[in-house]
Amino acid sequence: MQGRLSAWLVKHGLVHRSLGFDYQGIETLQIKPEDWHSIAVILYVYGYNYLRFQCAYDVAPGGLLASVYHLTRIEYGIDQPEEVCIKVFVSRKNPRIPSIFWVWKSADFQERESYDMLGISYDNHPRLKRILMPESWIGWPLRKDYITPNFYEIQDAH
């Protein structure tokens, strides 16, 4: 089922894949990493002027990683602003996505957290470095195939 934004993107020849709607009726679209920056700029110009949040997750052990963006059209006099969810999937071998920091400044810490926890590199991000883990930390703690270094069970600690 194609939503309003998906139909608009098709009308303007912009490549994407509709993933349907979530439980709240918010349209979800999949965008290829190489198309993400240009489509992000287009969405901003189209009126999606607020990045509600960005997050990332590991789809499956050994599988893809996903970077998720929830965008909102904020306008005066509107009680129910229009929202869209964008998902960008990347390979865990070389997870690179263009940063949208230059479109929505609020992506700064959110993209840094996704980098720190899952190892997704956001190209052209001005300060992409660890934010939660120490710089010396090895690996990406929220990946499903992550093994904690020097992990001891609680019962072994006594």
N, C-alpha and C. Protein backbone atom coordinates (compact mmCIF):
# COMPACT_ATOMS: atom_id res chain seq x y z
N MET A 1 0.85 -1.18 0.00
CA MET A 1 0.00 0.00 0.00
C MET A 1 0.89 1.24 0.00
N GLN A 2 0.64 2.11 -0.94
CA GLN A 2 1.46 3.30 -1.11
C GLN A 2 0.81 4.50 -0.42
N GLY A 3 1.63 5.24 0.34
CA GLY A 3 1.15 6.40 1.04
C GLY A 3 1.31 7.68 0.23
N ARG A 4 0.92 8.77 0.84
CA ARG A 4 0.94 10.08 0.17
C ARG A 4 2.36 10.50 -0.23
N LEU A 5 3.32 10.38 0.69
CA LEU A 5 4.69 10.78 0.38
C LEU A 5 5.31 9.86 -0.66
N SER A 6 5.05 8.56 -0.56
CA SER A 6 5.57 7.62 -1.54
C SER A 6 5.05 7.96 -2.94
N ALA A 7 3.79 8.28 -3.05
CA ALA A 7 3.20 8.66 -4.34
C ALA A 7 3.86 9.93 -4.87
N TRP A 8 4.13 10.89 -3.98
CA TRP A 8 4.79 12.13 -4.39
C TRP A 8 6.20 11.86 -4.88
N LEU A 9 6.94 10.98 -4.19
CA LEU A 9 8.30 10.63 -4.61
C LEU A 9 8.29 9.92 -5.97
N VAL A 10 7.33 9.03 -6.19
CA VAL A 10 7.20 8.34 -7.48
C VAL A 10 6.91 9.36 -8.58
N LYS A 11 6.01 10.27 -8.30
CA LYS A 11 5.64 11.30 -9.28
C LYS A 11 6.85 12.12 -9.72
N HIS A 12 7.80 12.33 -8.80
CA HIS A 12 8.98 13.12 -9.11
C HIS A 12 10.20 12.26 -9.45
N GLY A 13 10.00 10.97 -9.66
CA GLY A 13 11.06 10.08 -10.11
C GLY A 13 12.14 9.79 -9.08
N LEU A 14 11.80 9.83 -7.80
CA LEU A 14 12.76 9.59 -6.73
C LEU A 14 12.66 8.14 -6.26
N VAL A 15 13.78 7.43 -6.31
CA VAL A 15 13.82 6.00 -6.03
C VAL A 15 13.69 5.74 -4.53
N HIS A 16 12.79 4.85 -4.19
CA HIS A 16 12.56 4.44 -2.81
C HIS A 16 11.74 3.16 -2.83
N ARG A 17 11.49 2.60 -1.67
CA ARG A 17 10.63 1.43 -1.54
C ARG A 17 9.68 1.68 -0.38
N SER A 18 8.41 1.53 -0.61
CA SER A 18 7.43 1.70 0.45
C SER A 18 7.41 0.45 1.32
N LEU A 19 7.50 0.66 2.64
CA LEU A 19 7.43 -0.46 3.59
C LEU A 19 6.10 -0.48 4.32
N GLY A 20 5.14 0.32 3.84
CA GLY A 20 3.82 0.34 4.45
C GLY A 20 3.70 1.37 5.56
N PHE A 21 2.89 1.04 6.56
CA PHE A 21 2.62 1.95 7.66
C PHE A 21 2.85 1.25 8.99
N ASP A 22 3.26 2.01 10.00
CA ASP A 22 3.43 1.41 11.32
C ASP A 22 2.08 1.40 12.04
N TYR A 23 2.09 0.99 13.29
CA TYR A 23 0.83 0.85 14.05
C TYR A 23 0.12 2.17 14.29
N GLN A 24 0.85 3.30 14.15
CA GLN A 24 0.22 4.62 14.32
C GLN A 24 -0.20 5.22 12.99
N GLY A 25 0.01 4.49 11.90
CA GLY A 25 -0.35 4.99 10.58
C GLY A 25 0.73 5.86 9.94
N ILE A 26 1.94 5.83 10.48
CA ILE A 26 3.04 6.63 9.93
C ILE A 26 3.67 5.85 8.78
N GLU A 27 3.77 6.51 7.64
CA GLU A 27 4.34 5.89 6.44
C GLU A 27 5.82 5.59 6.65
N THR A 28 6.25 4.41 6.22
CA THR A 28 7.65 4.01 6.35
C THR A 28 8.22 3.74 4.96
N LEU A 29 9.37 4.37 4.69
CA LEU A 29 10.01 4.24 3.38
C LEU A 29 11.44 3.74 3.54
N GLN A 30 11.88 2.94 2.58
CA GLN A 30 13.28 2.51 2.54
C GLN A 30 13.99 3.31 1.45
N ILE A 31 15.13 3.89 1.81
CA ILE A 31 15.93 4.68 0.88
C ILE A 31 17.31 4.04 0.80
N LYS A 32 17.88 3.95 -0.39
CA LYS A 32 19.24 3.42 -0.55
C LYS A 32 20.23 4.42 0.02
N PRO A 33 21.33 3.93 0.62
CA PRO A 33 22.32 4.84 1.21
C PRO A 33 22.84 5.90 0.24
N GLU A 34 23.08 5.51 -1.01
CA GLU A 34 23.62 6.47 -1.98
C GLU A 34 22.61 7.54 -2.38
N ASP A 35 21.31 7.31 -2.16
CA ASP A 35 20.28 8.29 -2.49
C ASP A 35 19.84 9.12 -1.28
N TRP A 36 20.27 8.71 -0.08
CA TRP A 36 19.73 9.30 1.15
C TRP A 36 19.97 10.79 1.26
N HIS A 37 21.17 11.26 1.01
CA HIS A 37 21.44 12.69 1.22
C HIS A 37 20.57 13.56 0.32
N SER A 38 20.49 13.23 -0.96
CA SER A 38 19.69 14.07 -1.87
C SER A 38 18.21 14.00 -1.52
N ILE A 39 17.71 12.83 -1.14
CA ILE A 39 16.29 12.73 -0.76
C ILE A 39 16.05 13.46 0.55
N ALA A 40 17.01 13.44 1.47
CA ALA A 40 16.86 14.19 2.73
C ALA A 40 16.71 15.68 2.45
N VAL A 41 17.51 16.21 1.56
CA VAL A 41 17.41 17.64 1.20
C VAL A 41 16.05 17.91 0.58
N ILE A 42 15.60 17.03 -0.30
CA ILE A 42 14.30 17.20 -0.95
C ILE A 42 13.18 17.17 0.09
N LEU A 43 13.26 16.24 1.04
CA LEU A 43 12.22 16.16 2.08
C LEU A 43 12.21 17.41 2.95
N TYR A 44 13.38 17.95 3.23
CA TYR A 44 13.45 19.19 4.02
C TYR A 44 12.78 20.34 3.26
N VAL A 45 13.10 20.45 2.00
CA VAL A 45 12.49 21.51 1.17
C VAL A 45 10.98 21.28 1.04
N TYR A 46 10.56 20.02 0.96
CA TYR A 46 9.15 19.67 0.86
C TYR A 46 8.39 20.00 2.14
N GLY A 47 9.10 20.24 3.25
CA GLY A 47 8.42 20.66 4.47
C GLY A 47 8.74 19.84 5.71
N TYR A 48 9.47 18.76 5.57
CA TYR A 48 9.85 17.96 6.74
C TYR A 48 11.02 18.65 7.43
N ASN A 49 10.68 19.65 8.22
CA ASN A 49 11.68 20.54 8.79
C ASN A 49 12.13 20.15 10.20
N TYR A 50 11.65 19.01 10.70
CA TYR A 50 11.98 18.61 12.07
C TYR A 50 12.38 17.14 12.09
N LEU A 51 13.60 16.86 12.54
CA LEU A 51 14.04 15.49 12.75
C LEU A 51 13.64 15.12 14.18
N ARG A 52 12.59 14.32 14.28
CA ARG A 52 12.09 13.92 15.60
C ARG A 52 13.12 13.07 16.32
N PHE A 53 13.66 12.07 15.64
CA PHE A 53 14.78 11.31 16.19
C PHE A 53 15.41 10.45 15.12
N GLN A 54 16.63 10.05 15.40
CA GLN A 54 17.37 9.11 14.56
C GLN A 54 17.86 8.02 15.48
N CYS A 55 17.80 6.78 15.03
CA CYS A 55 18.32 5.67 15.80
C CYS A 55 18.84 4.62 14.82
N ALA A 56 19.43 3.58 15.34
CA ALA A 56 19.91 2.49 14.48
C ALA A 56 19.71 1.17 15.21
N TYR A 57 19.66 0.10 14.43
CA TYR A 57 19.53 -1.22 15.04
C TYR A 57 20.15 -2.27 14.12
N ASP A 58 20.45 -3.40 14.71
CA ASP A 58 21.00 -4.55 14.01
C ASP A 58 19.81 -5.41 13.59
N VAL A 59 19.62 -5.58 12.29
CA VAL A 59 18.45 -6.30 11.79
C VAL A 59 18.50 -7.78 12.18
N ALA A 60 19.66 -8.42 11.99
CA ALA A 60 19.83 -9.83 12.33
C ALA A 60 21.31 -10.13 12.50
N PRO A 61 21.65 -11.11 13.31
CA PRO A 61 23.07 -11.44 13.48
C PRO A 61 23.72 -11.76 12.12
N GLY A 62 24.78 -11.05 11.81
CA GLY A 62 25.46 -11.24 10.54
C GLY A 62 24.77 -10.59 9.36
N GLY A 63 23.64 -9.95 9.59
CA GLY A 63 22.86 -9.35 8.51
C GLY A 63 23.09 -7.85 8.38
N LEU A 64 22.07 -7.16 7.95
CA LEU A 64 22.16 -5.73 7.71
C LEU A 64 22.04 -4.92 8.99
N LEU A 65 22.50 -3.68 8.92
CA LEU A 65 22.28 -2.68 9.96
C LEU A 65 21.31 -1.66 9.39
N ALA A 66 20.51 -1.05 10.23
CA ALA A 66 19.52 -0.08 9.78
C ALA A 66 19.68 1.23 10.54
N SER A 67 19.61 2.33 9.80
CA SER A 67 19.58 3.66 10.40
C SER A 67 18.18 4.20 10.12
N VAL A 68 17.50 4.64 11.17
CA VAL A 68 16.09 5.03 11.08
C VAL A 68 15.95 6.51 11.41
N TYR A 69 15.16 7.21 10.60
CA TYR A 69 14.93 8.64 10.79
C TYR A 69 13.42 8.89 10.82
N HIS A 70 12.95 9.58 11.87
CA HIS A 70 11.54 9.99 11.94
C HIS A 70 11.50 11.49 11.69
N LEU A 71 10.82 11.88 10.63
CA LEU A 71 10.74 13.28 10.23
C LEU A 71 9.31 13.78 10.38
N THR A 72 9.19 15.07 10.69
CA THR A 72 7.88 15.68 10.90
C THR A 72 7.80 17.01 10.17
N ARG A 73 6.61 17.29 9.62
CA ARG A 73 6.35 18.59 9.00
C ARG A 73 5.69 19.47 10.06
N ILE A 74 6.44 20.43 10.57
CA ILE A 74 5.92 21.34 11.58
C ILE A 74 5.41 22.60 10.87
N GLU A 75 4.12 22.89 11.08
CA GLU A 75 3.51 24.09 10.50
C GLU A 75 2.59 24.72 11.54
N TYR A 76 2.42 26.01 11.47
CA TYR A 76 1.51 26.71 12.38
C TYR A 76 0.07 26.33 12.07
N GLY A 77 -0.70 26.15 13.12
CA GLY A 77 -2.13 25.88 12.98
C GLY A 77 -2.46 24.43 12.64
N ILE A 78 -1.51 23.54 12.69
CA ILE A 78 -1.76 22.14 12.38
C ILE A 78 -1.74 21.33 13.68
N ASP A 79 -2.84 20.62 13.95
CA ASP A 79 -2.93 19.82 15.17
C ASP A 79 -2.22 18.47 15.03
N GLN A 80 -2.32 17.86 13.87
CA GLN A 80 -1.70 16.56 13.61
C GLN A 80 -0.67 16.71 12.49
N PRO A 81 0.59 17.01 12.84
CA PRO A 81 1.60 17.18 11.80
C PRO A 81 1.88 15.87 11.07
N GLU A 82 2.20 16.00 9.80
CA GLU A 82 2.51 14.84 8.97
C GLU A 82 3.88 14.29 9.35
N GLU A 83 3.98 12.97 9.46
CA GLU A 83 5.24 12.32 9.83
C GLU A 83 5.59 11.25 8.82
N VAL A 84 6.88 10.93 8.75
CA VAL A 84 7.35 9.84 7.91
C VAL A 84 8.54 9.17 8.61
N CYS A 85 8.66 7.89 8.41
CA CYS A 85 9.80 7.12 8.94
C CYS A 85 10.63 6.66 7.74
N ILE A 86 11.92 6.97 7.78
CA ILE A 86 12.84 6.58 6.71
C ILE A 86 13.80 5.54 7.28
N LYS A 87 13.98 4.44 6.54
CA LYS A 87 14.94 3.41 6.95
C LYS A 87 15.99 3.28 5.85
N VAL A 88 17.25 3.31 6.29
CA VAL A 88 18.38 3.14 5.38
C VAL A 88 19.14 1.92 5.85
N PHE A 89 19.17 0.86 5.02
CA PHE A 89 19.84 -0.38 5.38
C PHE A 89 21.23 -0.43 4.75
N VAL A 90 22.22 -0.91 5.53
CA VAL A 90 23.60 -1.03 5.04
C VAL A 90 24.19 -2.36 5.48
N SER A 91 25.18 -2.79 4.74
CA SER A 91 25.92 -4.00 5.07
C SER A 91 26.79 -3.77 6.29
N ARG A 92 26.92 -4.76 7.14
CA ARG A 92 27.76 -4.60 8.34
C ARG A 92 29.23 -4.63 7.99
N LYS A 93 29.60 -5.08 6.80
CA LYS A 93 31.01 -5.12 6.41
C LYS A 93 31.57 -3.73 6.16
N ASN A 94 30.80 -2.85 5.59
CA ASN A 94 31.22 -1.47 5.35
C ASN A 94 30.00 -0.55 5.52
N PRO A 95 29.55 -0.37 6.77
CA PRO A 95 28.32 0.41 6.99
C PRO A 95 28.55 1.92 6.87
N ARG A 96 28.25 2.47 5.71
CA ARG A 96 28.46 3.90 5.46
C ARG A 96 27.15 4.51 4.94
N ILE A 97 26.77 5.61 5.58
CA ILE A 97 25.57 6.34 5.21
C ILE A 97 25.93 7.82 5.20
N PRO A 98 25.42 8.59 4.24
CA PRO A 98 25.69 10.03 4.29
C PRO A 98 25.05 10.65 5.53
N SER A 99 25.79 11.51 6.20
CA SER A 99 25.25 12.20 7.37
C SER A 99 24.24 13.25 6.92
N ILE A 100 23.18 13.40 7.69
CA ILE A 100 22.21 14.45 7.38
C ILE A 100 22.33 15.59 8.40
N PHE A 101 23.49 15.64 9.06
CA PHE A 101 23.77 16.73 10.00
C PHE A 101 23.60 18.09 9.34
N TRP A 102 24.01 18.22 8.11
CA TRP A 102 23.96 19.51 7.42
C TRP A 102 22.54 19.88 7.00
N VAL A 103 21.62 18.93 7.08
CA VAL A 103 20.20 19.21 6.78
C VAL A 103 19.46 19.48 8.08
N TRP A 104 19.61 18.56 9.05
CA TRP A 104 18.99 18.70 10.37
C TRP A 104 20.11 18.63 11.41
N LYS A 105 20.42 19.73 12.05
CA LYS A 105 21.51 19.79 13.03
C LYS A 105 21.28 18.86 14.22
N SER A 106 20.03 18.55 14.50
CA SER A 106 19.73 17.67 15.64
C SER A 106 20.22 16.24 15.43
N ALA A 107 20.70 15.92 14.25
CA ALA A 107 21.23 14.58 13.98
C ALA A 107 22.62 14.39 14.59
N ASP A 108 23.23 15.45 15.08
CA ASP A 108 24.61 15.41 15.57
C ASP A 108 24.84 14.27 16.56
N PHE A 109 24.28 14.37 17.75
CA PHE A 109 24.51 13.37 18.79
C PHE A 109 23.87 12.03 18.44
N GLN A 110 22.76 12.07 17.74
CA GLN A 110 22.06 10.83 17.41
C GLN A 110 22.87 9.97 16.45
N GLU A 111 23.45 10.58 15.42
CA GLU A 111 24.30 9.81 14.51
C GLU A 111 25.58 9.35 15.21
N ARG A 112 26.09 10.17 16.11
CA ARG A 112 27.29 9.76 16.87
C ARG A 112 26.99 8.55 17.75
N GLU A 113 25.82 8.52 18.35
CA GLU A 113 25.44 7.37 19.18
C GLU A 113 25.30 6.11 18.32
N SER A 114 24.71 6.24 17.14
CA SER A 114 24.57 5.09 16.24
C SER A 114 25.93 4.59 15.78
N TYR A 115 26.86 5.52 15.56
CA TYR A 115 28.23 5.14 15.22
C TYR A 115 28.87 4.40 16.40
N ASP A 116 28.74 4.95 17.58
CA ASP A 116 29.38 4.41 18.77
C ASP A 116 28.86 3.01 19.12
N MET A 117 27.58 2.80 19.00
CA MET A 117 26.99 1.54 19.44
C MET A 117 26.94 0.47 18.35
N LEU A 118 26.83 0.88 17.06
CA LEU A 118 26.68 -0.10 15.99
C LEU A 118 27.75 -0.02 14.91
N GLY A 119 28.58 1.04 14.93
CA GLY A 119 29.67 1.15 13.96
C GLY A 119 29.26 1.66 12.60
N ILE A 120 28.10 2.29 12.48
CA ILE A 120 27.69 2.87 11.21
C ILE A 120 28.42 4.20 11.04
N SER A 121 29.18 4.34 9.95
CA SER A 121 29.91 5.58 9.68
C SER A 121 29.00 6.53 8.90
N TYR A 122 28.90 7.75 9.38
CA TYR A 122 28.07 8.77 8.73
C TYR A 122 29.01 9.73 8.02
N ASP A 123 29.10 9.58 6.69
CA ASP A 123 30.01 10.38 5.89
C ASP A 123 29.69 11.87 6.00
N ASN A 124 30.72 12.68 6.12
CA ASN A 124 30.65 14.14 6.22
C ASN A 124 30.09 14.65 7.54
N HIS A 125 30.03 13.79 8.54
CA HIS A 125 29.63 14.25 9.87
C HIS A 125 30.82 15.00 10.46
N PRO A 126 30.62 16.19 11.03
CA PRO A 126 31.76 17.00 11.48
C PRO A 126 32.51 16.47 12.70
N ARG A 127 31.87 15.68 13.55
CA ARG A 127 32.51 15.21 14.78
C ARG A 127 32.20 13.75 15.06
N LEU A 128 32.37 12.90 14.08
CA LEU A 128 32.01 11.49 14.26
C LEU A 128 33.08 10.78 15.08
N LYS A 129 32.78 10.64 16.37
CA LYS A 129 33.67 9.92 17.28
C LYS A 129 32.80 9.31 18.37
N ARG A 130 33.39 8.46 19.16
CA ARG A 130 32.64 7.80 20.23
C ARG A 130 32.05 8.85 21.18
N ILE A 131 30.84 8.56 21.65
CA ILE A 131 30.15 9.50 22.53
C ILE A 131 29.81 8.86 23.88
N LEU A 132 29.58 7.54 23.89
CA LEU A 132 29.22 6.84 25.12
C LEU A 132 30.34 5.94 25.62
N MET A 133 31.02 5.29 24.71
CA MET A 133 32.08 4.35 25.07
C MET A 133 33.43 5.08 25.02
N PRO A 134 34.42 4.62 25.80
CA PRO A 134 35.75 5.25 25.71
C PRO A 134 36.36 5.01 24.33
N GLU A 135 37.21 5.92 23.89
CA GLU A 135 37.85 5.81 22.58
C GLU A 135 38.60 4.49 22.42
N SER A 136 39.06 3.92 23.51
CA SER A 136 39.84 2.68 23.45
C SER A 136 38.97 1.42 23.31
N TRP A 137 37.64 1.58 23.39
CA TRP A 137 36.73 0.44 23.35
C TRP A 137 36.82 -0.25 22.00
N ILE A 138 36.85 -1.57 22.01
CA ILE A 138 36.93 -2.35 20.78
C ILE A 138 35.56 -2.92 20.47
N GLY A 139 35.09 -2.69 19.26
CA GLY A 139 33.83 -3.27 18.81
C GLY A 139 32.63 -2.35 18.96
N TRP A 140 31.47 -2.92 18.65
CA TRP A 140 30.22 -2.17 18.60
C TRP A 140 29.20 -2.89 19.48
N PRO A 141 28.96 -2.40 20.70
CA PRO A 141 28.20 -3.14 21.72
C PRO A 141 26.76 -3.51 21.38
N LEU A 142 26.08 -2.81 20.48
CA LEU A 142 24.69 -3.16 20.20
C LEU A 142 24.50 -4.08 19.00
N ARG A 143 25.60 -4.52 18.41
CA ARG A 143 25.47 -5.52 17.35
C ARG A 143 25.14 -6.87 17.97
N LYS A 144 24.27 -7.61 17.32
CA LYS A 144 23.82 -8.88 17.87
C LYS A 144 24.92 -9.93 17.94
N ASP A 145 25.97 -9.75 17.15
CA ASP A 145 27.07 -10.72 17.18
C ASP A 145 28.24 -10.24 18.03
N TYR A 146 28.02 -9.21 18.83
CA TYR A 146 29.08 -8.64 19.67
C TYR A 146 29.37 -9.55 20.86
N ILE A 147 30.64 -9.76 21.13
CA ILE A 147 31.06 -10.54 22.29
C ILE A 147 31.79 -9.58 23.23
N THR A 148 31.31 -9.46 24.45
CA THR A 148 31.90 -8.56 25.42
C THR A 148 33.29 -9.05 25.81
N PRO A 149 34.31 -8.19 25.68
CA PRO A 149 35.64 -8.63 26.07
C PRO A 149 35.74 -8.80 27.59
N ASN A 150 36.43 -9.85 28.03
CA ASN A 150 36.66 -10.12 29.45
C ASN A 150 35.37 -10.18 30.26
N PHE A 151 34.33 -10.78 29.69
CA PHE A 151 33.04 -10.89 30.39
C PHE A 151 33.06 -12.10 31.31
N TYR A 152 32.70 -11.86 32.55
CA TYR A 152 32.60 -12.93 33.54
C TYR A 152 31.20 -12.94 34.10
N GLU A 153 30.65 -14.11 34.25
CA GLU A 153 29.32 -14.22 34.84
C GLU A 153 29.36 -13.72 36.28
N ILE A 154 28.25 -13.21 36.77
CA ILE A 154 28.19 -12.67 38.13
C ILE A 154 28.58 -13.73 39.15
N GLN A 155 28.15 -14.97 38.98
CA GLN A 155 28.48 -16.00 39.95
C GLN A 155 29.99 -16.28 39.98
N ASP A 156 30.71 -15.99 38.90
CA ASP A 156 32.16 -16.19 38.88
C ASP A 156 32.91 -15.06 39.56
N ALA A 157 32.24 -13.98 39.91
CA ALA A 157 32.89 -12.81 40.48
C ALA A 157 33.14 -12.97 41.98
N HIS A 158 32.51 -13.94 42.62
CA HIS A 158 32.65 -14.10 44.07
C HIS A 158 33.89 -14.86 44.44
